[in-house]
Amino acid sequence: MFSLAKEKKFGSIIIGVDEVGRGPLAGPVTAAAVILNDNISLDKINDSKKLSSLQRESIFNQIIINSKCAIGFATVSEIDKLNILQASLLAMKRSVESLKEKKAIILIDGKFSYDKNNENIKTFIKGDQLYPSIAAASIIAKVVRDRYMTLMSEKYQNYGWDKNAGYGTKKHILAIKEYGITPAHRKSFAPIHNMLLQK
C-alpha cells in the first residue's frame, strides 16, 4: 500500500519521475514528472506495468486532476545520437525542469540520475513499486506515449503502433521487412541497424 508520508520524509515537495519507451524500435522515449496533491486517493495508483490499458486511462485522469504534471520527450534522432540511456535521462531532465520547482526532492525510478551533482535527486531501483509519485509518473508517461504512438500509427498505418506502441513484435518486424523503415524508427537499435547494414 502506497503512502505519501513515506516519501514526504525526504521533503515537503516531492517530484516523482519515471520514463517509458526504452525498448521499442520506434517512437520517442517519454518521461513524466509528477507532484501529487496531499489529498489524492492512492488506492488505484500502481506501477503502470501492473495495470491494464483501461485502468491506466482511468487513473491517468485522476492523477491529472489531483497533481502537477509535466512531460519530457527525447526524439528518435536524439536516441540514435546519444544512446537510449542518455536519451531517457534527457527526457527525465526535461520533464522535471518543466515543473519549475527548484526546492523539490526528486525521486527517480532506476539507478541513474540525470545530474549526479544534484543532491536533491534520489534514485530507486523499482521505485515505481515503492513511492506513489514515481508510480503516478509511470502511468502518466505510459498513457501519453501510447496515445502518441496511436496518433503516429495513423500516419504510418502498416506497423500496428496503436497496438504494439513501437515494440518489436513479430507483426512489427514483418512490417518493417515488407514496407521498410520510417523516420520514426530507431536506426541504432539492432534489428533496424542490421537491416540497414544488409542494404
N, C-alpha and C. Protein backbone atom coordinates (compact mmCIF):
# COMPACT_ATOMS: atom_id res chain seq x y z
N MET A 1 0.85 -1.20 0.00
CA MET A 1 0.00 0.00 0.00
C MET A 1 0.89 1.25 0.00
N PHE A 2 0.66 2.13 -0.93
CA PHE A 2 1.44 3.36 -1.02
C PHE A 2 1.08 4.33 0.11
N SER A 3 2.06 5.14 0.48
CA SER A 3 1.83 6.17 1.49
C SER A 3 2.59 7.43 1.09
N LEU A 4 1.87 8.56 1.08
CA LEU A 4 2.54 9.83 0.81
C LEU A 4 3.51 10.18 1.94
N ALA A 5 3.16 9.75 3.16
CA ALA A 5 4.01 10.06 4.31
C ALA A 5 5.40 9.47 4.14
N LYS A 6 5.48 8.30 3.52
CA LYS A 6 6.76 7.62 3.32
C LYS A 6 7.69 8.46 2.44
N GLU A 7 7.15 9.04 1.38
CA GLU A 7 8.01 9.83 0.50
C GLU A 7 8.19 11.26 1.02
N LYS A 8 7.24 11.75 1.82
CA LYS A 8 7.35 13.09 2.37
C LYS A 8 8.47 13.19 3.41
N LYS A 9 9.00 12.05 3.86
CA LYS A 9 10.14 12.07 4.77
C LYS A 9 11.37 12.71 4.11
N PHE A 10 11.39 12.69 2.77
CA PHE A 10 12.51 13.28 2.05
C PHE A 10 12.42 14.80 1.98
N GLY A 11 11.20 15.33 2.01
CA GLY A 11 11.00 16.77 1.90
C GLY A 11 9.54 17.11 1.71
N SER A 12 9.21 18.38 1.75
CA SER A 12 7.81 18.79 1.67
C SER A 12 7.28 18.77 0.24
N ILE A 13 8.16 19.00 -0.74
CA ILE A 13 7.75 18.95 -2.14
C ILE A 13 8.49 17.79 -2.80
N ILE A 14 7.73 16.82 -3.28
CA ILE A 14 8.30 15.62 -3.89
C ILE A 14 7.89 15.55 -5.36
N ILE A 15 8.88 15.37 -6.22
CA ILE A 15 8.62 15.11 -7.64
C ILE A 15 8.98 13.65 -7.93
N GLY A 16 7.99 12.90 -8.37
CA GLY A 16 8.25 11.53 -8.82
C GLY A 16 8.52 11.53 -10.32
N VAL A 17 9.51 10.76 -10.75
CA VAL A 17 9.91 10.75 -12.16
C VAL A 17 10.06 9.32 -12.66
N ASP A 18 9.51 9.07 -13.83
CA ASP A 18 9.71 7.77 -14.48
C ASP A 18 9.64 7.97 -15.98
N GLU A 19 10.17 6.98 -16.71
CA GLU A 19 10.14 7.05 -18.17
C GLU A 19 9.61 5.74 -18.74
N VAL A 20 9.12 5.82 -19.95
CA VAL A 20 8.69 4.63 -20.70
C VAL A 20 9.24 4.75 -22.12
N GLY A 21 9.38 3.59 -22.76
CA GLY A 21 9.76 3.60 -24.16
C GLY A 21 11.24 3.40 -24.40
N ARG A 22 11.93 2.73 -23.48
CA ARG A 22 13.35 2.45 -23.74
C ARG A 22 13.51 1.30 -24.73
N GLY A 23 12.56 0.37 -24.72
CA GLY A 23 12.72 -0.84 -25.52
C GLY A 23 12.19 -0.83 -26.94
N PRO A 24 11.23 0.03 -27.30
CA PRO A 24 10.64 -0.03 -28.64
C PRO A 24 11.63 0.23 -29.77
N LEU A 25 11.23 -0.20 -30.96
CA LEU A 25 12.03 0.05 -32.16
C LEU A 25 11.67 1.38 -32.81
N ALA A 26 10.56 1.98 -32.36
CA ALA A 26 10.10 3.23 -32.98
C ALA A 26 9.54 4.16 -31.92
N GLY A 27 9.58 5.45 -32.23
CA GLY A 27 8.98 6.46 -31.37
C GLY A 27 9.93 6.99 -30.31
N PRO A 28 9.55 8.07 -29.66
CA PRO A 28 10.41 8.72 -28.67
C PRO A 28 10.40 7.96 -27.34
N VAL A 29 11.37 8.29 -26.50
CA VAL A 29 11.30 7.89 -25.10
C VAL A 29 10.62 9.03 -24.37
N THR A 30 9.75 8.67 -23.42
CA THR A 30 8.87 9.65 -22.79
C THR A 30 9.00 9.57 -21.28
N ALA A 31 9.18 10.72 -20.65
CA ALA A 31 9.28 10.78 -19.19
C ALA A 31 8.18 11.68 -18.64
N ALA A 32 7.78 11.40 -17.41
CA ALA A 32 6.83 12.26 -16.71
C ALA A 32 7.39 12.62 -15.34
N ALA A 33 7.08 13.84 -14.91
CA ALA A 33 7.40 14.30 -13.56
C ALA A 33 6.10 14.71 -12.90
N VAL A 34 5.87 14.22 -11.69
CA VAL A 34 4.57 14.40 -11.04
C VAL A 34 4.74 14.84 -9.59
N ILE A 35 4.01 15.88 -9.20
CA ILE A 35 3.87 16.29 -7.81
C ILE A 35 2.43 16.01 -7.40
N LEU A 36 2.21 15.04 -6.53
CA LEU A 36 0.86 14.67 -6.13
C LEU A 36 0.32 15.62 -5.06
N ASN A 37 -0.96 15.93 -5.17
CA ASN A 37 -1.64 16.67 -4.11
C ASN A 37 -1.74 15.80 -2.85
N ASP A 38 -1.74 16.44 -1.70
CA ASP A 38 -1.80 15.70 -0.44
C ASP A 38 -3.11 14.93 -0.26
N ASN A 39 -4.17 15.38 -0.93
CA ASN A 39 -5.49 14.76 -0.72
C ASN A 39 -5.84 13.70 -1.77
N ILE A 40 -4.90 13.34 -2.62
CA ILE A 40 -5.21 12.38 -3.68
C ILE A 40 -5.40 10.98 -3.08
N SER A 41 -6.35 10.25 -3.62
CA SER A 41 -6.54 8.85 -3.24
C SER A 41 -5.50 8.00 -3.95
N LEU A 42 -4.81 7.15 -3.19
CA LEU A 42 -3.75 6.33 -3.74
C LEU A 42 -4.20 4.90 -4.02
N ASP A 43 -5.47 4.61 -3.78
CA ASP A 43 -5.98 3.24 -3.84
C ASP A 43 -5.68 2.55 -5.17
N LYS A 44 -5.82 3.28 -6.27
CA LYS A 44 -5.71 2.64 -7.59
C LYS A 44 -4.37 2.90 -8.27
N ILE A 45 -3.54 3.72 -7.65
CA ILE A 45 -2.23 4.02 -8.26
C ILE A 45 -1.30 2.83 -8.05
N ASN A 46 -0.62 2.44 -9.13
CA ASN A 46 0.29 1.30 -9.08
C ASN A 46 1.33 1.47 -10.19
N ASP A 47 2.34 0.64 -10.16
CA ASP A 47 3.30 0.57 -11.26
C ASP A 47 2.51 0.35 -12.56
N SER A 48 2.76 1.19 -13.57
CA SER A 48 1.95 1.15 -14.79
C SER A 48 1.98 -0.21 -15.47
N LYS A 49 3.08 -0.95 -15.29
CA LYS A 49 3.19 -2.27 -15.93
C LYS A 49 2.23 -3.29 -15.32
N LYS A 50 1.72 -2.99 -14.13
CA LYS A 50 0.81 -3.91 -13.46
C LYS A 50 -0.67 -3.56 -13.70
N LEU A 51 -0.90 -2.56 -14.55
CA LEU A 51 -2.26 -2.10 -14.82
C LEU A 51 -2.63 -2.37 -16.28
N SER A 52 -3.91 -2.61 -16.52
CA SER A 52 -4.39 -2.74 -17.89
C SER A 52 -4.47 -1.35 -18.52
N SER A 53 -4.61 -1.30 -19.83
CA SER A 53 -4.70 0.00 -20.51
C SER A 53 -5.93 0.77 -20.04
N LEU A 54 -7.04 0.08 -19.80
CA LEU A 54 -8.25 0.74 -19.31
C LEU A 54 -8.04 1.30 -17.91
N GLN A 55 -7.36 0.54 -17.06
CA GLN A 55 -7.07 1.02 -15.71
C GLN A 55 -6.16 2.24 -15.75
N ARG A 56 -5.16 2.18 -16.61
CA ARG A 56 -4.24 3.32 -16.72
C ARG A 56 -4.97 4.57 -17.18
N GLU A 57 -5.84 4.44 -18.16
CA GLU A 57 -6.58 5.60 -18.66
C GLU A 57 -7.44 6.22 -17.56
N SER A 58 -8.09 5.38 -16.77
CA SER A 58 -8.95 5.86 -15.68
C SER A 58 -8.12 6.58 -14.62
N ILE A 59 -7.01 5.96 -14.22
CA ILE A 59 -6.18 6.55 -13.17
C ILE A 59 -5.45 7.79 -13.69
N PHE A 60 -5.10 7.79 -14.97
CA PHE A 60 -4.47 8.94 -15.61
C PHE A 60 -5.29 10.20 -15.35
N ASN A 61 -6.57 10.14 -15.58
CA ASN A 61 -7.43 11.31 -15.38
C ASN A 61 -7.45 11.75 -13.92
N GLN A 62 -7.46 10.78 -13.01
CA GLN A 62 -7.44 11.10 -11.58
C GLN A 62 -6.15 11.82 -11.20
N ILE A 63 -5.04 11.34 -11.75
CA ILE A 63 -3.74 11.95 -11.44
C ILE A 63 -3.66 13.37 -12.01
N ILE A 64 -4.10 13.54 -13.24
CA ILE A 64 -4.05 14.86 -13.89
C ILE A 64 -4.81 15.90 -13.07
N ILE A 65 -5.97 15.50 -12.56
CA ILE A 65 -6.82 16.42 -11.78
C ILE A 65 -6.20 16.74 -10.43
N ASN A 66 -5.49 15.76 -9.85
CA ASN A 66 -5.01 15.88 -8.47
C ASN A 66 -3.49 15.98 -8.36
N SER A 67 -2.87 16.60 -9.34
CA SER A 67 -1.42 16.73 -9.27
C SER A 67 -0.93 17.82 -10.21
N LYS A 68 0.35 18.08 -10.13
CA LYS A 68 1.04 18.94 -11.09
C LYS A 68 1.94 18.03 -11.91
N CYS A 69 1.77 18.03 -13.22
CA CYS A 69 2.49 17.07 -14.09
C CYS A 69 3.21 17.79 -15.22
N ALA A 70 4.27 17.15 -15.69
CA ALA A 70 4.95 17.63 -16.89
C ALA A 70 5.52 16.43 -17.63
N ILE A 71 5.62 16.58 -18.95
CA ILE A 71 6.14 15.52 -19.82
C ILE A 71 7.43 15.99 -20.47
N GLY A 72 8.35 15.06 -20.64
CA GLY A 72 9.57 15.34 -21.39
C GLY A 72 9.80 14.24 -22.42
N PHE A 73 10.17 14.61 -23.62
CA PHE A 73 10.46 13.64 -24.68
C PHE A 73 11.95 13.71 -25.04
N ALA A 74 12.47 12.59 -25.51
CA ALA A 74 13.71 12.59 -26.27
C ALA A 74 13.37 11.94 -27.60
N THR A 75 13.74 12.60 -28.67
CA THR A 75 13.33 12.19 -30.01
C THR A 75 14.11 10.97 -30.50
N VAL A 76 13.63 10.41 -31.59
CA VAL A 76 14.32 9.28 -32.20
C VAL A 76 15.74 9.67 -32.61
N SER A 77 15.90 10.85 -33.16
CA SER A 77 17.25 11.28 -33.57
C SER A 77 18.16 11.44 -32.36
N GLU A 78 17.61 11.91 -31.24
CA GLU A 78 18.40 12.04 -30.01
C GLU A 78 18.77 10.66 -29.45
N ILE A 79 17.84 9.72 -29.54
CA ILE A 79 18.13 8.34 -29.11
C ILE A 79 19.28 7.76 -29.93
N ASP A 80 19.21 7.94 -31.25
CA ASP A 80 20.25 7.40 -32.13
C ASP A 80 21.59 8.10 -31.91
N LYS A 81 21.55 9.36 -31.56
CA LYS A 81 22.80 10.12 -31.37
C LYS A 81 23.42 9.85 -30.00
N LEU A 82 22.60 9.81 -28.95
CA LEU A 82 23.11 9.78 -27.57
C LEU A 82 23.24 8.36 -27.01
N ASN A 83 22.38 7.46 -27.40
CA ASN A 83 22.09 6.12 -26.89
C ASN A 83 20.83 6.21 -26.02
N ILE A 84 20.19 5.08 -25.81
CA ILE A 84 18.87 5.09 -25.20
C ILE A 84 18.91 5.51 -23.73
N LEU A 85 19.98 5.13 -23.00
CA LEU A 85 20.06 5.53 -21.59
C LEU A 85 20.18 7.04 -21.46
N GLN A 86 21.10 7.64 -22.20
CA GLN A 86 21.29 9.08 -22.11
C GLN A 86 20.05 9.84 -22.60
N ALA A 87 19.38 9.31 -23.62
CA ALA A 87 18.15 9.94 -24.10
C ALA A 87 17.05 9.86 -23.04
N SER A 88 16.98 8.74 -22.32
CA SER A 88 15.99 8.59 -21.25
C SER A 88 16.25 9.60 -20.13
N LEU A 89 17.51 9.78 -19.78
CA LEU A 89 17.86 10.75 -18.74
C LEU A 89 17.56 12.18 -19.20
N LEU A 90 17.77 12.44 -20.48
CA LEU A 90 17.44 13.76 -21.04
C LEU A 90 15.94 14.02 -20.97
N ALA A 91 15.14 13.02 -21.29
CA ALA A 91 13.69 13.17 -21.20
C ALA A 91 13.26 13.44 -19.76
N MET A 92 13.87 12.73 -18.82
CA MET A 92 13.56 12.96 -17.40
C MET A 92 13.91 14.39 -16.99
N LYS A 93 15.10 14.83 -17.38
CA LYS A 93 15.54 16.19 -17.05
C LYS A 93 14.57 17.23 -17.60
N ARG A 94 14.13 17.03 -18.83
CA ARG A 94 13.20 17.98 -19.44
C ARG A 94 11.87 18.00 -18.70
N SER A 95 11.39 16.84 -18.27
CA SER A 95 10.10 16.79 -17.56
C SER A 95 10.20 17.53 -16.23
N VAL A 96 11.28 17.30 -15.49
CA VAL A 96 11.44 17.96 -14.19
C VAL A 96 11.61 19.46 -14.35
N GLU A 97 12.41 19.87 -15.30
CA GLU A 97 12.64 21.31 -15.50
C GLU A 97 11.37 22.04 -15.90
N SER A 98 10.46 21.35 -16.57
CA SER A 98 9.19 21.97 -16.97
C SER A 98 8.32 22.32 -15.77
N LEU A 99 8.52 21.63 -14.64
CA LEU A 99 7.72 21.92 -13.44
C LEU A 99 8.19 23.19 -12.73
N LYS A 100 9.46 23.58 -12.95
CA LYS A 100 9.99 24.81 -12.35
C LYS A 100 9.86 24.82 -10.82
N GLU A 101 10.20 23.70 -10.19
CA GLU A 101 10.19 23.59 -8.72
C GLU A 101 11.64 23.41 -8.26
N LYS A 102 12.28 24.49 -7.91
CA LYS A 102 13.71 24.45 -7.62
C LYS A 102 14.05 23.80 -6.28
N LYS A 103 13.12 23.78 -5.33
CA LYS A 103 13.42 23.27 -3.99
C LYS A 103 12.88 21.86 -3.76
N ALA A 104 12.40 21.23 -4.80
CA ALA A 104 11.79 19.90 -4.64
C ALA A 104 12.85 18.82 -4.48
N ILE A 105 12.45 17.73 -3.82
CA ILE A 105 13.23 16.50 -3.81
C ILE A 105 12.72 15.64 -4.96
N ILE A 106 13.63 15.11 -5.75
CA ILE A 106 13.27 14.39 -6.97
C ILE A 106 13.56 12.91 -6.79
N LEU A 107 12.52 12.10 -6.87
CA LEU A 107 12.64 10.65 -6.73
C LEU A 107 12.53 10.01 -8.10
N ILE A 108 13.58 9.34 -8.54
CA ILE A 108 13.64 8.78 -9.90
C ILE A 108 13.60 7.26 -9.85
N ASP A 109 12.84 6.68 -10.76
CA ASP A 109 12.83 5.22 -10.90
C ASP A 109 14.09 4.78 -11.64
N GLY A 110 14.79 3.80 -11.06
CA GLY A 110 16.02 3.31 -11.68
C GLY A 110 17.24 3.71 -10.88
N LYS A 111 18.41 3.37 -11.39
CA LYS A 111 19.65 3.64 -10.64
C LYS A 111 20.46 4.80 -11.18
N PHE A 112 19.96 5.45 -12.23
CA PHE A 112 20.74 6.52 -12.85
C PHE A 112 20.08 7.89 -12.64
N SER A 113 20.91 8.88 -12.35
CA SER A 113 20.46 10.27 -12.22
C SER A 113 20.90 11.06 -13.44
N TYR A 114 20.07 12.01 -13.85
CA TYR A 114 20.45 12.87 -14.98
C TYR A 114 21.41 13.98 -14.54
N ASP A 115 21.61 14.12 -13.20
CA ASP A 115 22.54 15.13 -12.69
C ASP A 115 23.15 14.59 -11.39
N LYS A 116 24.32 13.98 -11.49
CA LYS A 116 24.95 13.35 -10.32
C LYS A 116 25.37 14.36 -9.26
N ASN A 117 25.46 15.63 -9.63
CA ASN A 117 25.86 16.66 -8.67
C ASN A 117 24.70 17.27 -7.90
N ASN A 118 23.49 16.88 -8.27
CA ASN A 118 22.30 17.42 -7.61
C ASN A 118 21.92 16.51 -6.43
N GLU A 119 22.14 16.98 -5.23
CA GLU A 119 21.88 16.17 -4.03
C GLU A 119 20.39 15.99 -3.76
N ASN A 120 19.56 16.76 -4.45
CA ASN A 120 18.11 16.62 -4.27
C ASN A 120 17.53 15.47 -5.09
N ILE A 121 18.35 14.85 -5.94
CA ILE A 121 17.88 13.72 -6.75
C ILE A 121 18.23 12.41 -6.04
N LYS A 122 17.23 11.57 -5.87
CA LYS A 122 17.42 10.25 -5.27
C LYS A 122 16.89 9.19 -6.23
N THR A 123 17.67 8.14 -6.44
CA THR A 123 17.28 7.08 -7.39
C THR A 123 16.94 5.80 -6.65
N PHE A 124 15.96 5.08 -7.19
CA PHE A 124 15.48 3.86 -6.55
C PHE A 124 15.19 2.80 -7.61
N ILE A 125 15.86 1.67 -7.51
CA ILE A 125 15.50 0.54 -8.36
C ILE A 125 14.11 0.06 -7.96
N LYS A 126 13.24 -0.13 -8.96
CA LYS A 126 11.83 -0.47 -8.74
C LYS A 126 11.13 0.59 -7.88
N GLY A 127 11.52 1.84 -8.11
CA GLY A 127 10.92 2.95 -7.37
C GLY A 127 9.43 3.10 -7.60
N ASP A 128 8.96 2.63 -8.78
CA ASP A 128 7.53 2.72 -9.08
C ASP A 128 6.71 1.75 -8.23
N GLN A 129 7.39 0.87 -7.50
CA GLN A 129 6.71 -0.02 -6.56
C GLN A 129 6.87 0.43 -5.12
N LEU A 130 7.66 1.50 -4.92
CA LEU A 130 7.94 1.99 -3.57
C LEU A 130 7.24 3.29 -3.24
N TYR A 131 7.17 4.20 -4.20
CA TYR A 131 6.69 5.55 -3.93
C TYR A 131 5.57 5.94 -4.89
N PRO A 132 4.48 6.49 -4.36
CA PRO A 132 3.32 6.79 -5.20
C PRO A 132 3.58 7.84 -6.29
N SER A 133 4.45 8.80 -6.00
CA SER A 133 4.73 9.83 -7.01
C SER A 133 5.44 9.24 -8.23
N ILE A 134 6.34 8.28 -7.99
CA ILE A 134 7.01 7.62 -9.11
C ILE A 134 6.02 6.74 -9.87
N ALA A 135 5.17 6.01 -9.15
CA ALA A 135 4.15 5.18 -9.81
C ALA A 135 3.21 6.03 -10.65
N ALA A 136 2.82 7.19 -10.11
CA ALA A 136 1.95 8.10 -10.86
C ALA A 136 2.65 8.59 -12.12
N ALA A 137 3.95 8.89 -12.01
CA ALA A 137 4.72 9.33 -13.18
C ALA A 137 4.79 8.23 -14.22
N SER A 138 4.91 6.98 -13.78
CA SER A 138 4.97 5.87 -14.74
C SER A 138 3.67 5.75 -15.51
N ILE A 139 2.55 6.00 -14.84
CA ILE A 139 1.24 5.95 -15.50
C ILE A 139 1.09 7.08 -16.51
N ILE A 140 1.44 8.29 -16.09
CA ILE A 140 1.32 9.45 -16.98
C ILE A 140 2.19 9.25 -18.22
N ALA A 141 3.43 8.85 -18.02
CA ALA A 141 4.35 8.66 -19.15
C ALA A 141 3.85 7.58 -20.10
N LYS A 142 3.36 6.48 -19.54
CA LYS A 142 2.88 5.37 -20.37
C LYS A 142 1.67 5.77 -21.20
N VAL A 143 0.70 6.41 -20.58
CA VAL A 143 -0.52 6.80 -21.31
C VAL A 143 -0.20 7.83 -22.39
N VAL A 144 0.63 8.81 -22.06
CA VAL A 144 0.98 9.85 -23.05
C VAL A 144 1.71 9.23 -24.23
N ARG A 145 2.67 8.35 -23.95
CA ARG A 145 3.41 7.74 -25.06
C ARG A 145 2.52 6.84 -25.91
N ASP A 146 1.67 6.04 -25.27
CA ASP A 146 0.76 5.17 -26.02
C ASP A 146 -0.17 5.99 -26.92
N ARG A 147 -0.66 7.10 -26.40
CA ARG A 147 -1.53 7.96 -27.21
C ARG A 147 -0.76 8.55 -28.40
N TYR A 148 0.47 8.94 -28.13
CA TYR A 148 1.31 9.49 -29.21
C TYR A 148 1.53 8.45 -30.30
N MET A 149 1.85 7.22 -29.90
CA MET A 149 2.10 6.17 -30.89
C MET A 149 0.83 5.80 -31.66
N THR A 150 -0.32 5.92 -31.01
CA THR A 150 -1.59 5.69 -31.71
C THR A 150 -1.79 6.75 -32.78
N LEU A 151 -1.47 8.00 -32.46
CA LEU A 151 -1.55 9.07 -33.47
C LEU A 151 -0.56 8.83 -34.61
N MET A 152 0.64 8.39 -34.26
CA MET A 152 1.65 8.11 -35.28
C MET A 152 1.22 6.95 -36.18
N SER A 153 0.45 6.03 -35.64
CA SER A 153 0.01 4.88 -36.43
C SER A 153 -0.96 5.29 -37.54
N GLU A 154 -1.58 6.46 -37.38
CA GLU A 154 -2.46 6.97 -38.44
C GLU A 154 -1.63 7.44 -39.64
N LYS A 155 -0.43 7.92 -39.36
CA LYS A 155 0.47 8.37 -40.44
C LYS A 155 1.18 7.19 -41.09
N TYR A 156 1.60 6.24 -40.24
CA TYR A 156 2.30 5.05 -40.71
C TYR A 156 1.44 3.83 -40.36
N GLN A 157 0.53 3.49 -41.25
CA GLN A 157 -0.55 2.57 -40.91
C GLN A 157 -0.17 1.09 -40.96
N ASN A 158 0.97 0.77 -41.47
CA ASN A 158 1.31 -0.65 -41.69
C ASN A 158 1.97 -1.32 -40.50
N TYR A 159 2.31 -0.57 -39.47
CA TYR A 159 3.20 -1.11 -38.43
C TYR A 159 2.49 -1.46 -37.12
N GLY A 160 1.23 -1.14 -37.00
CA GLY A 160 0.46 -1.53 -35.82
C GLY A 160 0.86 -0.83 -34.53
N TRP A 161 1.33 0.40 -34.64
CA TRP A 161 1.80 1.10 -33.43
C TRP A 161 0.68 1.40 -32.45
N ASP A 162 -0.56 1.43 -32.91
CA ASP A 162 -1.67 1.62 -31.99
C ASP A 162 -1.87 0.40 -31.09
N LYS A 163 -1.30 -0.73 -31.50
CA LYS A 163 -1.39 -1.96 -30.70
C LYS A 163 -0.07 -2.30 -30.01
N ASN A 164 1.06 -2.08 -30.70
CA ASN A 164 2.35 -2.51 -30.13
C ASN A 164 3.20 -1.36 -29.58
N ALA A 165 2.73 -0.11 -29.75
CA ALA A 165 3.43 1.08 -29.22
C ALA A 165 4.88 1.18 -29.70
N GLY A 166 5.16 0.54 -30.84
CA GLY A 166 6.50 0.61 -31.41
C GLY A 166 7.44 -0.50 -30.98
N TYR A 167 6.96 -1.38 -30.10
CA TYR A 167 7.80 -2.50 -29.66
C TYR A 167 7.98 -3.50 -30.80
N GLY A 168 9.05 -4.30 -30.68
CA GLY A 168 9.42 -5.20 -31.77
C GLY A 168 8.64 -6.50 -31.78
N THR A 169 7.33 -6.40 -31.92
CA THR A 169 6.51 -7.60 -32.04
C THR A 169 6.78 -8.28 -33.38
N LYS A 170 6.33 -9.51 -33.50
CA LYS A 170 6.52 -10.25 -34.75
C LYS A 170 5.87 -9.51 -35.91
N LYS A 171 4.67 -9.00 -35.69
CA LYS A 171 3.96 -8.26 -36.74
C LYS A 171 4.73 -7.00 -37.14
N HIS A 172 5.27 -6.32 -36.17
CA HIS A 172 6.02 -5.09 -36.44
C HIS A 172 7.28 -5.39 -37.25
N ILE A 173 8.02 -6.43 -36.86
CA ILE A 173 9.24 -6.82 -37.57
C ILE A 173 8.92 -7.20 -39.02
N LEU A 174 7.85 -7.96 -39.20
CA LEU A 174 7.45 -8.36 -40.55
C LEU A 174 7.07 -7.14 -41.39
N ALA A 175 6.40 -6.17 -40.76
CA ALA A 175 6.00 -4.95 -41.47
C ALA A 175 7.22 -4.14 -41.90
N ILE A 176 8.23 -4.08 -41.03
CA ILE A 176 9.47 -3.37 -41.38
C ILE A 176 10.13 -4.02 -42.60
N LYS A 177 10.15 -5.36 -42.60
CA LYS A 177 10.76 -6.08 -43.72
C LYS A 177 9.99 -5.86 -45.02
N GLU A 178 8.66 -5.74 -44.90
CA GLU A 178 7.83 -5.58 -46.10
C GLU A 178 7.75 -4.14 -46.60
N TYR A 179 7.60 -3.20 -45.66
CA TYR A 179 7.34 -1.81 -46.05
C TYR A 179 8.53 -0.88 -45.84
N GLY A 180 9.55 -1.37 -45.14
CA GLY A 180 10.73 -0.54 -44.94
C GLY A 180 10.71 0.22 -43.62
N ILE A 181 11.73 1.03 -43.45
CA ILE A 181 11.95 1.79 -42.22
C ILE A 181 11.42 3.20 -42.39
N THR A 182 10.74 3.71 -41.37
CA THR A 182 10.19 5.06 -41.39
C THR A 182 11.12 6.01 -40.64
N PRO A 183 10.89 7.32 -40.75
CA PRO A 183 11.68 8.27 -39.96
C PRO A 183 11.47 8.11 -38.46
N ALA A 184 10.41 7.43 -38.06
CA ALA A 184 10.13 7.24 -36.63
C ALA A 184 10.82 6.01 -36.05
N HIS A 185 11.53 5.25 -36.88
CA HIS A 185 12.25 4.07 -36.39
C HIS A 185 13.64 4.45 -35.87
N ARG A 186 14.07 3.73 -34.83
CA ARG A 186 15.36 3.98 -34.21
C ARG A 186 16.44 3.20 -34.97
N LYS A 187 17.24 3.90 -35.72
CA LYS A 187 18.22 3.25 -36.60
C LYS A 187 19.40 2.64 -35.84
N SER A 188 19.57 3.05 -34.59
CA SER A 188 20.67 2.50 -33.79
C SER A 188 20.30 1.18 -33.12
N PHE A 189 19.03 0.82 -33.15
CA PHE A 189 18.59 -0.41 -32.49
C PHE A 189 18.87 -1.61 -33.40
N ALA A 190 19.32 -2.70 -32.79
CA ALA A 190 19.90 -3.83 -33.51
C ALA A 190 19.11 -4.33 -34.72
N PRO A 191 17.80 -4.66 -34.59
CA PRO A 191 17.11 -5.21 -35.76
C PRO A 191 17.13 -4.26 -36.96
N ILE A 192 16.92 -2.97 -36.70
CA ILE A 192 16.88 -1.99 -37.78
C ILE A 192 18.29 -1.68 -38.27
N HIS A 193 19.22 -1.56 -37.34
CA HIS A 193 20.62 -1.31 -37.71
C HIS A 193 21.14 -2.43 -38.61
N ASN A 194 20.79 -3.66 -38.26
CA ASN A 194 21.24 -4.81 -39.06
C ASN A 194 20.61 -4.81 -40.46
N MET A 195 19.34 -4.41 -40.54
CA MET A 195 18.68 -4.31 -41.85
C MET A 195 19.36 -3.27 -42.72
N LEU A 196 19.73 -2.14 -42.10
CA LEU A 196 20.39 -1.08 -42.86
C LEU A 196 21.76 -1.54 -43.35
N LEU A 197 22.47 -2.30 -42.53
CA LEU A 197 23.78 -2.82 -42.93
C LEU A 197 23.67 -3.77 -44.11
N GLN A 198 22.59 -4.57 -44.10
CA GLN A 198 22.38 -5.54 -45.19
C GLN A 198 22.13 -4.85 -46.51
N LYS A 199 21.57 -3.62 -46.44
CA LYS A 199 21.30 -2.88 -47.67
C LYS A 199 22.59 -2.26 -48.23
